[in-house]
Amino acid sequence: MKEAIDEIKKHLKKKDLIIGSKQVIKNLKLDKIKKVFLASNPPVEVEEDINYYAKLTNTPVIKLNIPNNELGAVCRKQYSIAALAILKEEKK
């Protein structure tokens, strides 16, 4: 769990983190995501959609044991965050 939060903080500095379930789902459909992080209490339909598209693209989904309001605080945002994702590195 601590490793996942450290990884999120590291990627926040790198600017390759996608914040928000709509953006995560959109990029999962395009197969641009390396890893997904879910809060412990995302909306049911969001969790189902993310798990569905992640399975199609073989993307790992890590369910954190912190609620969405704490996940927002970890990312230094003043709003709740249900889902985050790390982008795949662009091929040159």
PDB file of N, CA and C in Angstrom:
ATOM      1  N   MET A   1       0.826  -1.198   0.000  1.00  0.00           N
ATOM      2  CA  MET A   1       0.000   0.000   0.000  1.00  0.00           C
ATOM      3  C   MET A   1       0.863   1.252   0.000  1.00  0.00           C
ATOM      4  N   LYS A   2       1.836   1.303   0.893  1.00  0.00           N
ATOM      5  CA  LYS A   2       2.744   2.456   0.971  1.00  0.00           C
ATOM      6  C   LYS A   2       3.495   2.623  -0.348  1.00  0.00           C
ATOM      7  N   GLU A   3       3.875   1.480  -0.968  1.00  0.00           N
ATOM      8  CA  GLU A   3       4.602   1.545  -2.241  1.00  0.00           C
ATOM      9  C   GLU A   3       3.740   2.191  -3.326  1.00  0.00           C
ATOM     10  N   ALA A   4       2.440   1.871  -3.329  1.00  0.00           N
ATOM     11  CA  ALA A   4       1.537   2.433  -4.334  1.00  0.00           C
ATOM     12  C   ALA A   4       1.429   3.947  -4.174  1.00  0.00           C
ATOM     13  N   ILE A   5       1.306   4.422  -2.944  1.00  0.00           N
ATOM     14  CA  ILE A   5       1.208   5.865  -2.703  1.00  0.00           C
ATOM     15  C   ILE A   5       2.517   6.559  -3.073  1.00  0.00           C
ATOM     16  N   ASP A   6       3.637   5.936  -2.750  1.00  0.00           N
ATOM     17  CA  ASP A   6       4.929   6.505  -3.152  1.00  0.00           C
ATOM     18  C   ASP A   6       5.044   6.574  -4.665  1.00  0.00           C
ATOM     19  N   GLU A   7       4.557   5.539  -5.348  1.00  0.00           N
ATOM     20  CA  GLU A   7       4.598   5.531  -6.811  1.00  0.00           C
ATOM     21  C   GLU A   7       3.722   6.643  -7.380  1.00  0.00           C
ATOM     22  N   ILE A   8       2.553   6.849  -6.798  1.00  0.00           N
ATOM     23  CA  ILE A   8       1.667   7.931  -7.241  1.00  0.00           C
ATOM     24  C   ILE A   8       2.351   9.282  -7.071  1.00  0.00           C
ATOM     25  N   LYS A   9       2.974   9.512  -5.903  1.00  0.00           N
ATOM     26  CA  LYS A   9       3.656  10.787  -5.657  1.00  0.00           C
ATOM     27  C   LYS A   9       4.806  11.001  -6.628  1.00  0.00           C
ATOM     28  N   LYS A  10       5.535   9.940  -6.937  1.00  0.00           N
ATOM     29  CA  LYS A  10       6.659  10.049  -7.879  1.00  0.00           C
ATOM     30  C   LYS A  10       6.157  10.442  -9.269  1.00  0.00           C
ATOM     31  N   HIS A  11       5.064   9.830  -9.699  1.00  0.00           N
ATOM     32  CA  HIS A  11       4.534  10.129 -11.027  1.00  0.00           C
ATOM     33  C   HIS A  11       3.834  11.479 -11.088  1.00  0.00           C
ATOM     34  N   LEU A  12       3.370  11.988  -9.963  1.00  0.00           N
ATOM     35  CA  LEU A  12       2.809  13.348  -9.939  1.00  0.00           C
ATOM     36  C   LEU A  12       3.874  14.361 -10.352  1.00  0.00           C
ATOM     37  N   LYS A  13       5.100  14.139  -9.864  1.00  0.00           N
ATOM     38  CA  LYS A  13       6.202  15.045 -10.201  1.00  0.00           C
ATOM     39  C   LYS A  13       6.590  14.919 -11.665  1.00  0.00           C
ATOM     40  N   LYS A  14       6.485  13.714 -12.234  1.00  0.00           N
ATOM     41  CA  LYS A  14       6.857  13.480 -13.627  1.00  0.00           C
ATOM     42  C   LYS A  14       5.812  13.972 -14.619  1.00  0.00           C
ATOM     43  N   LYS A  15       4.609  14.250 -14.146  1.00  0.00           N
ATOM     44  CA  LYS A  15       3.502  14.727 -14.987  1.00  0.00           C
ATOM     45  C   LYS A  15       2.995  13.662 -15.967  1.00  0.00           C
ATOM     46  N   ASP A  16       3.105  12.379 -15.607  1.00  0.00           N
ATOM     47  CA  ASP A  16       2.554  11.342 -16.483  1.00  0.00           C
ATOM     48  C   ASP A  16       1.428  10.582 -15.795  1.00  0.00           C
ATOM     49  N   LEU A  17       0.731  11.293 -14.899  1.00  0.00           N
ATOM     50  CA  LEU A  17      -0.369  10.695 -14.144  1.00  0.00           C
ATOM     51  C   LEU A  17      -1.678  11.295 -14.648  1.00  0.00           C
ATOM     52  N   ILE A  18      -2.645  10.429 -14.926  1.00  0.00           N
ATOM     53  CA  ILE A  18      -3.970  10.878 -15.346  1.00  0.00           C
ATOM     54  C   ILE A  18      -4.869  10.838 -14.123  1.00  0.00           C
ATOM     55  N   ILE A  19      -5.584  11.917 -13.870  1.00  0.00           N
ATOM     56  CA  ILE A  19      -6.461  12.008 -12.709  1.00  0.00           C
ATOM     57  C   ILE A  19      -7.909  12.083 -13.179  1.00  0.00           C
ATOM     58  N   GLY A  20      -8.746  11.228 -12.614  1.00  0.00           N
ATOM     59  CA  GLY A  20     -10.176  11.256 -12.912  1.00  0.00           C
ATOM     60  C   GLY A  20     -10.635  10.033 -13.682  1.00  0.00           C
ATOM     61  N   SER A  21     -11.783   9.520 -13.301  1.00  0.00           N
ATOM     62  CA  SER A  21     -12.268   8.278 -13.891  1.00  0.00           C
ATOM     63  C   SER A  21     -12.593   8.415 -15.378  1.00  0.00           C
ATOM     64  N   LYS A  22     -13.135   9.551 -15.807  1.00  0.00           N
ATOM     65  CA  LYS A  22     -13.465   9.713 -17.233  1.00  0.00           C
ATOM     66  C   LYS A  22     -12.205   9.673 -18.094  1.00  0.00           C
ATOM     67  N   GLN A  23     -11.162  10.368 -17.652  1.00  0.00           N
ATOM     68  CA  GLN A  23      -9.907  10.368 -18.397  1.00  0.00           C
ATOM     69  C   GLN A  23      -9.247   8.987 -18.372  1.00  0.00           C
ATOM     70  N   VAL A  24      -9.334   8.309 -17.228  1.00  0.00           N
ATOM     71  CA  VAL A  24      -8.746   6.975 -17.117  1.00  0.00           C
ATOM     72  C   VAL A  24      -9.436   6.020 -18.091  1.00  0.00           C
ATOM     73  N   ILE A  25     -10.772   6.040 -18.110  1.00  0.00           N
ATOM     74  CA  ILE A  25     -11.521   5.147 -19.004  1.00  0.00           C
ATOM     75  C   ILE A  25     -11.220   5.475 -20.466  1.00  0.00           C
ATOM     76  N   LYS A  26     -11.186   6.764 -20.791  1.00  0.00           N
ATOM     77  CA  LYS A  26     -10.893   7.182 -22.170  1.00  0.00           C
ATOM     78  C   LYS A  26      -9.529   6.661 -22.621  1.00  0.00           C
ATOM     79  N   ASN A  27      -8.518   6.803 -21.772  1.00  0.00           N
ATOM     80  CA  ASN A  27      -7.178   6.365 -22.137  1.00  0.00           C
ATOM     81  C   ASN A  27      -7.023   4.848 -22.071  1.00  0.00           C
ATOM     82  N   LEU A  28      -7.799   4.178 -21.233  1.00  0.00           N
ATOM     83  CA  LEU A  28      -7.793   2.712 -21.237  1.00  0.00           C
ATOM     84  C   LEU A  28      -8.305   2.196 -22.582  1.00  0.00           C
ATOM     85  N   LYS A  29      -9.357   2.828 -23.094  1.00  0.00           N
ATOM     86  CA  LYS A  29      -9.910   2.422 -24.391  1.00  0.00           C
ATOM     87  C   LYS A  29      -8.866   2.578 -25.500  1.00  0.00           C
ATOM     88  N   LEU A  30      -7.994   3.574 -25.357  1.00  0.00           N
ATOM     89  CA  LEU A  30      -6.947   3.820 -26.360  1.00  0.00           C
ATOM     90  C   LEU A  30      -5.676   3.019 -26.074  1.00  0.00           C
ATOM     91  N   ASP A  31      -5.682   2.223 -25.001  1.00  0.00           N
ATOM     92  CA  ASP A  31      -4.542   1.393 -24.590  1.00  0.00           C
ATOM     93  C   ASP A  31      -3.284   2.233 -24.366  1.00  0.00           C
ATOM     94  N   LYS A  32      -3.446   3.352 -23.652  1.00  0.00           N
ATOM     95  CA  LYS A  32      -2.322   4.247 -23.359  1.00  0.00           C
ATOM     96  C   LYS A  32      -1.891   4.197 -21.903  1.00  0.00           C
ATOM     97  N   ILE A  33      -2.455   3.259 -21.124  1.00  0.00           N
ATOM     98  CA  ILE A  33      -2.222   3.242 -19.686  1.00  0.00           C
ATOM     99  C   ILE A  33      -1.398   2.042 -19.264  1.00  0.00           C
ATOM    100  N   LYS A  34      -0.426   2.316 -18.384  1.00  0.00           N
ATOM    101  CA  LYS A  34       0.438   1.264 -17.845  1.00  0.00           C
ATOM    102  C   LYS A  34      -0.168   0.623 -16.602  1.00  0.00           C
ATOM    103  N   LYS A  35      -0.777   1.433 -15.712  1.00  0.00           N
ATOM    104  CA  LYS A  35      -1.305   0.935 -14.445  1.00  0.00           C
ATOM    105  C   LYS A  35      -2.404   1.859 -13.949  1.00  0.00           C
ATOM    106  N   VAL A  36      -3.432   1.267 -13.318  1.00  0.00           N
ATOM    107  CA  VAL A  36      -4.562   2.034 -12.791  1.00  0.00           C
ATOM    108  C   VAL A  36      -4.611   1.878 -11.270  1.00  0.00           C
ATOM    109  N   PHE A  37      -4.917   2.972 -10.589  1.00  0.00           N
ATOM    110  CA  PHE A  37      -5.116   2.966  -9.141  1.00  0.00           C
ATOM    111  C   PHE A  37      -6.556   3.390  -8.869  1.00  0.00           C
ATOM    112  N   LEU A  38      -7.270   2.590  -8.074  1.00  0.00           N
ATOM    113  CA  LEU A  38      -8.652   2.902  -7.708  1.00  0.00           C
ATOM    114  C   LEU A  38      -8.735   3.193  -6.213  1.00  0.00           C
ATOM    115  N   ALA A  39      -9.538   4.163  -5.852  1.00  0.00           N
ATOM    116  CA  ALA A  39      -9.800   4.421  -4.429  1.00  0.00           C
ATOM    117  C   ALA A  39     -10.602   3.250  -3.871  1.00  0.00           C
ATOM    118  N   SER A  40     -10.732   3.181  -2.563  1.00  0.00           N
ATOM    119  CA  SER A  40     -11.464   2.076  -1.948  1.00  0.00           C
ATOM    120  C   SER A  40     -12.972   2.197  -2.139  1.00  0.00           C
ATOM    121  N   ASN A  41     -13.450   3.381  -2.509  1.00  0.00           N
ATOM    122  CA  ASN A  41     -14.894   3.598  -2.621  1.00  0.00           C
ATOM    123  C   ASN A  41     -15.303   4.318  -3.916  1.00  0.00           C
ATOM    124  N   PRO A  42     -14.870   3.824  -5.097  1.00  0.00           N
ATOM    125  CA  PRO A  42     -15.316   4.494  -6.322  1.00  0.00           C
ATOM    126  C   PRO A  42     -16.783   4.149  -6.600  1.00  0.00           C
ATOM    127  N   PRO A  43     -17.465   4.947  -7.425  1.00  0.00           N
ATOM    128  CA  PRO A  43     -18.826   4.567  -7.822  1.00  0.00           C
ATOM    129  C   PRO A  43     -18.797   3.188  -8.504  1.00  0.00           C
ATOM    130  N   VAL A  44     -19.814   2.397  -8.278  1.00  0.00           N
ATOM    131  CA  VAL A  44     -19.841   1.014  -8.773  1.00  0.00           C
ATOM    132  C   VAL A  44     -19.665   0.952 -10.285  1.00  0.00           C
ATOM    133  N   GLU A  45     -20.364   1.821 -11.018  1.00  0.00           N
ATOM    134  CA  GLU A  45     -20.270   1.771 -12.484  1.00  0.00           C
ATOM    135  C   GLU A  45     -18.878   2.162 -12.967  1.00  0.00           C
ATOM    136  N   VAL A  46     -18.219   3.058 -12.274  1.00  0.00           N
ATOM    137  CA  VAL A  46     -16.854   3.452 -12.628  1.00  0.00           C
ATOM    138  C   VAL A  46     -15.905   2.263 -12.432  1.00  0.00           C
ATOM    139  N   GLU A  47     -16.027   1.600 -11.299  1.00  0.00           N
ATOM    140  CA  GLU A  47     -15.173   0.449 -11.026  1.00  0.00           C
ATOM    141  C   GLU A  47     -15.404  -0.659 -12.053  1.00  0.00           C
ATOM    142  N   GLU A  48     -16.662  -0.911 -12.406  1.00  0.00           N
ATOM    143  CA  GLU A  48     -16.967  -1.937 -13.404  1.00  0.00           C
ATOM    144  C   GLU A  48     -16.374  -1.582 -14.759  1.00  0.00           C
ATOM    145  N   ASP A  49     -16.537  -0.331 -15.196  1.00  0.00           N
ATOM    146  CA  ASP A  49     -15.992   0.098 -16.493  1.00  0.00           C
ATOM    147  C   ASP A  49     -14.475  -0.019 -16.516  1.00  0.00           C
ATOM    148  N   ILE A  50     -13.823   0.457 -15.458  1.00  0.00           N
ATOM    149  CA  ILE A  50     -12.357   0.411 -15.419  1.00  0.00           C
ATOM    150  C   ILE A  50     -11.865  -1.032 -15.437  1.00  0.00           C
ATOM    151  N   ASN A  51     -12.484  -1.892 -14.639  1.00  0.00           N
ATOM    152  CA  ASN A  51     -12.073  -3.298 -14.630  1.00  0.00           C
ATOM    153  C   ASN A  51     -12.302  -3.963 -15.979  1.00  0.00           C
ATOM    154  N   TYR A  52     -13.392  -3.623 -16.654  1.00  0.00           N
ATOM    155  CA  TYR A  52     -13.693  -4.192 -17.966  1.00  0.00           C
ATOM    156  C   TYR A  52     -12.629  -3.801 -18.993  1.00  0.00           C
ATOM    157  N   TYR A  53     -12.365  -2.502 -19.124  1.00  0.00           N
ATOM    158  CA  TYR A  53     -11.399  -2.043 -20.128  1.00  0.00           C
ATOM    159  C   TYR A  53      -9.969  -2.434 -19.762  1.00  0.00           C
ATOM    160  N   ALA A  54      -9.675  -2.504 -18.469  1.00  0.00           N
ATOM    161  CA  ALA A  54      -8.345  -2.931 -18.039  1.00  0.00           C
ATOM    162  C   ALA A  54      -8.111  -4.393 -18.414  1.00  0.00           C
ATOM    163  N   LYS A  55      -9.146  -5.203 -18.278  1.00  0.00           N
ATOM    164  CA  LYS A  55      -9.023  -6.617 -18.635  1.00  0.00           C
ATOM    165  C   LYS A  55      -8.785  -6.772 -20.139  1.00  0.00           C
ATOM    166  N   LEU A  56      -9.461  -5.948 -20.939  1.00  0.00           N
ATOM    167  CA  LEU A  56      -9.288  -6.008 -22.394  1.00  0.00           C
ATOM    168  C   LEU A  56      -7.868  -5.646 -22.817  1.00  0.00           C
ATOM    169  N   THR A  57      -7.250  -4.722 -22.092  1.00  0.00           N
ATOM    170  CA  THR A  57      -5.912  -4.248 -22.462  1.00  0.00           C
ATOM    171  C   THR A  57      -4.808  -4.833 -21.586  1.00  0.00           C
ATOM    172  N   ASN A  58      -5.158  -5.796 -20.728  1.00  0.00           N
ATOM    173  CA  ASN A  58      -4.181  -6.416 -19.812  1.00  0.00           C
ATOM    174  C   ASN A  58      -3.455  -5.387 -18.952  1.00  0.00           C
ATOM    175  N   THR A  59      -4.197  -4.430 -18.439  1.00  0.00           N
ATOM    176  CA  THR A  59      -3.640  -3.374 -17.592  1.00  0.00           C
ATOM    177  C   THR A  59      -3.912  -3.718 -16.128  1.00  0.00           C
ATOM    178  N   PRO A  60      -2.888  -3.695 -15.272  1.00  0.00           N
ATOM    179  CA  PRO A  60      -3.135  -3.988 -13.854  1.00  0.00           C
ATOM    180  C   PRO A  60      -3.930  -2.871 -13.170  1.00  0.00           C
ATOM    181  N   VAL A  61      -4.869  -3.292 -12.319  1.00  0.00           N
ATOM    182  CA  VAL A  61      -5.679  -2.349 -11.537  1.00  0.00           C
ATOM    183  C   VAL A  61      -5.371  -2.604 -10.067  1.00  0.00           C
ATOM    184  N   ILE A  62      -4.900  -1.574  -9.377  1.00  0.00           N
ATOM    185  CA  ILE A  62      -4.579  -1.679  -7.959  1.00  0.00           C
ATOM    186  C   ILE A  62      -5.654  -0.949  -7.175  1.00  0.00           C
ATOM    187  N   LYS A  63      -6.369  -1.690  -6.329  1.00  0.00           N
ATOM    188  CA  LYS A  63      -7.392  -1.070  -5.480  1.00  0.00           C
ATOM    189  C   LYS A  63      -6.726  -0.671  -4.172  1.00  0.00           C
ATOM    190  N   LEU A  64      -6.664   0.622  -3.934  1.00  0.00           N
ATOM    191  CA  LEU A  64      -6.045   1.159  -2.724  1.00  0.00           C
ATOM    192  C   LEU A  64      -7.000   1.020  -1.550  1.00  0.00           C
ATOM    193  N   ASN A  65      -6.472   1.037  -0.342  1.00  0.00           N
ATOM    194  CA  ASN A  65      -7.364   0.964   0.823  1.00  0.00           C
ATOM    195  C   ASN A  65      -7.564   2.336   1.462  1.00  0.00           C
ATOM    196  N   ILE A  66      -7.542   3.379   0.611  1.00  0.00           N
ATOM    197  CA  ILE A  66      -7.869   4.727   1.087  1.00  0.00           C
ATOM    198  C   ILE A  66      -9.058   5.238   0.274  1.00  0.00           C
ATOM    199  N   PRO A  67      -9.973   5.968   0.900  1.00  0.00           N
ATOM    200  CA  PRO A  67     -11.145   6.479   0.183  1.00  0.00           C
ATOM    201  C   PRO A  67     -10.777   7.596  -0.787  1.00  0.00           C
ATOM    202  N   ASN A  68     -11.736   7.926  -1.659  1.00  0.00           N
ATOM    203  CA  ASN A  68     -11.460   8.895  -2.716  1.00  0.00           C
ATOM    204  C   ASN A  68     -11.099  10.284  -2.198  1.00  0.00           C
ATOM    205  N   ASN A  69     -11.634  10.706  -1.046  1.00  0.00           N
ATOM    206  CA  ASN A  69     -11.264  12.041  -0.546  1.00  0.00           C
ATOM    207  C   ASN A  69      -9.810  12.067  -0.065  1.00  0.00           C
ATOM    208  N   GLU A  70      -9.320  10.953   0.517  1.00  0.00           N
ATOM    209  CA  GLU A  70      -7.913  10.891   0.928  1.00  0.00           C
ATOM    210  C   GLU A  70      -6.991  10.781  -0.286  1.00  0.00           C
ATOM    211  N   LEU A  71      -7.452  10.095  -1.323  1.00  0.00           N
ATOM    212  CA  LEU A  71      -6.654   9.999  -2.545  1.00  0.00           C
ATOM    213  C   LEU A  71      -6.477  11.380  -3.171  1.00  0.00           C
ATOM    214  N   GLY A  72      -7.517  12.197  -3.098  1.00  0.00           N
ATOM    215  CA  GLY A  72      -7.403  13.584  -3.557  1.00  0.00           C
ATOM    216  C   GLY A  72      -6.366  14.354  -2.759  1.00  0.00           C
ATOM    217  N   ALA A  73      -6.321  14.132  -1.448  1.00  0.00           N
ATOM    218  CA  ALA A  73      -5.339  14.807  -0.593  1.00  0.00           C
ATOM    219  C   ALA A  73      -3.920  14.339  -0.903  1.00  0.00           C
ATOM    220  N   VAL A  74      -3.743  13.058  -1.189  1.00  0.00           N
ATOM    221  CA  VAL A  74      -2.420  12.530  -1.562  1.00  0.00           C
ATOM    222  C   VAL A  74      -1.906  13.237  -2.816  1.00  0.00           C
ATOM    223  N   CYS A  75      -2.820  13.517  -3.740  1.00  0.00           N
ATOM    224  CA  CYS A  75      -2.453  14.187  -4.996  1.00  0.00           C
ATOM    225  C   CYS A  75      -2.481  15.705  -4.886  1.00  0.00           C
ATOM    226  N   ARG A  76      -2.646  16.223  -3.675  1.00  0.00           N
ATOM    227  CA  ARG A  76      -2.699  17.659  -3.403  1.00  0.00           C
ATOM    228  C   ARG A  76      -3.809  18.364  -4.185  1.00  0.00           C
ATOM    229  N   LYS A  77      -4.959  17.687  -4.281  1.00  0.00           N
ATOM    230  CA  LYS A  77      -6.126  18.275  -4.935  1.00  0.00           C
ATOM    231  C   LYS A  77      -7.191  18.492  -3.873  1.00  0.00           C
ATOM    232  N   GLN A  78      -8.063  19.469  -4.098  1.00  0.00           N
ATOM    233  CA  GLN A  78      -9.092  19.777  -3.107  1.00  0.00           C
ATOM    234  C   GLN A  78     -10.413  19.099  -3.448  1.00  0.00           C
ATOM    235  N   TYR A  79     -10.339  18.014  -4.197  1.00  0.00           N
ATOM    236  CA  TYR A  79     -11.542  17.267  -4.549  1.00  0.00           C
ATOM    237  C   TYR A  79     -11.240  15.773  -4.470  1.00  0.00           C
ATOM    238  N   SER A  80     -12.298  14.987  -4.462  1.00  0.00           N
ATOM    239  CA  SER A  80     -12.156  13.535  -4.379  1.00  0.00           C
ATOM    240  C   SER A  80     -11.700  12.975  -5.725  1.00  0.00           C
ATOM    241  N   ILE A  81     -10.892  11.938  -5.663  1.00  0.00           N
ATOM    242  CA  ILE A  81     -10.397  11.274  -6.868  1.00  0.00           C
ATOM    243  C   ILE A  81     -10.710   9.785  -6.743  1.00  0.00           C
ATOM    244  N   ALA A  82     -11.515   9.273  -7.664  1.00  0.00           N
ATOM    245  CA  ALA A  82     -11.892   7.854  -7.633  1.00  0.00           C
ATOM    246  C   ALA A  82     -10.860   6.994  -8.350  1.00  0.00           C
ATOM    247  N   ALA A  83     -10.222   7.559  -9.388  1.00  0.00           N
ATOM    248  CA  ALA A  83      -9.282   6.757 -10.181  1.00  0.00           C
ATOM    249  C   ALA A  83      -8.116   7.608 -10.670  1.00  0.00           C
ATOM    250  N   LEU A  84      -6.951   6.958 -10.735  1.00  0.00           N
ATOM    251  CA  LEU A  84      -5.722   7.545 -11.276  1.00  0.00           C
ATOM    252  C   LEU A  84      -5.100   6.522 -12.208  1.00  0.00           C
ATOM    253  N   ALA A  85      -4.284   6.976 -13.112  1.00  0.00           N
ATOM    254  CA  ALA A  85      -3.580   6.034 -13.977  1.00  0.00           C
ATOM    255  C   ALA A  85      -2.228   6.599 -14.376  1.00  0.00           C
ATOM    256  N   ILE A  86      -1.292   5.693 -14.624  1.00  0.00           N
ATOM    257  CA  ILE A  86       0.028   6.072 -15.116  1.00  0.00           C
ATOM    258  C   ILE A  86       0.054   5.810 -16.602  1.00  0.00           C
ATOM    259  N   LEU A  87       0.459   6.806 -17.360  1.00  0.00           N
ATOM    260  CA  LEU A  87       0.541   6.663 -18.812  1.00  0.00           C
ATOM    261  C   LEU A  87       1.704   5.784 -19.219  1.00  0.00           C
ATOM    262  N   LYS A  88       1.511   5.053 -20.319  1.00  0.00           N
ATOM    263  CA  LYS A  88       2.621   4.322 -20.906  1.00  0.00           C
ATOM    264  C   LYS A  88       3.578   5.327 -21.511  1.00  0.00           C
ATOM    265  N   GLU A  89       4.842   4.965 -21.585  1.00  0.00           N
ATOM    266  CA  GLU A  89       5.811   5.877 -22.184  1.00  0.00           C
ATOM    267  C   GLU A  89       5.645   5.851 -23.694  1.00  0.00           C
ATOM    268  N   GLU A  90       5.690   7.031 -24.276  1.00  0.00           N
ATOM    269  CA  GLU A  90       5.539   7.156 -25.726  1.00  0.00           C
ATOM    270  C   GLU A  90       6.688   6.504 -26.448  1.00  0.00           C
ATOM    271  N   LYS A  91       6.354   5.761 -27.505  1.00  0.00           N
ATOM    272  CA  LYS A  91       7.406   5.157 -28.340  1.00  0.00           C
ATOM    273  C   LYS A  91       7.830   6.172 -29.377  1.00  0.00           C
ATOM    274  N   LYS A  92       9.133   6.289 -29.558  1.00  0.00           N
ATOM    275  CA  LYS A  92       9.641   7.289 -30.500  1.00  0.00           C
ATOM    276  C   LYS A  92       9.985   6.645 -31.819  1.00  0.00           C
TER     277      LYS A  92
END
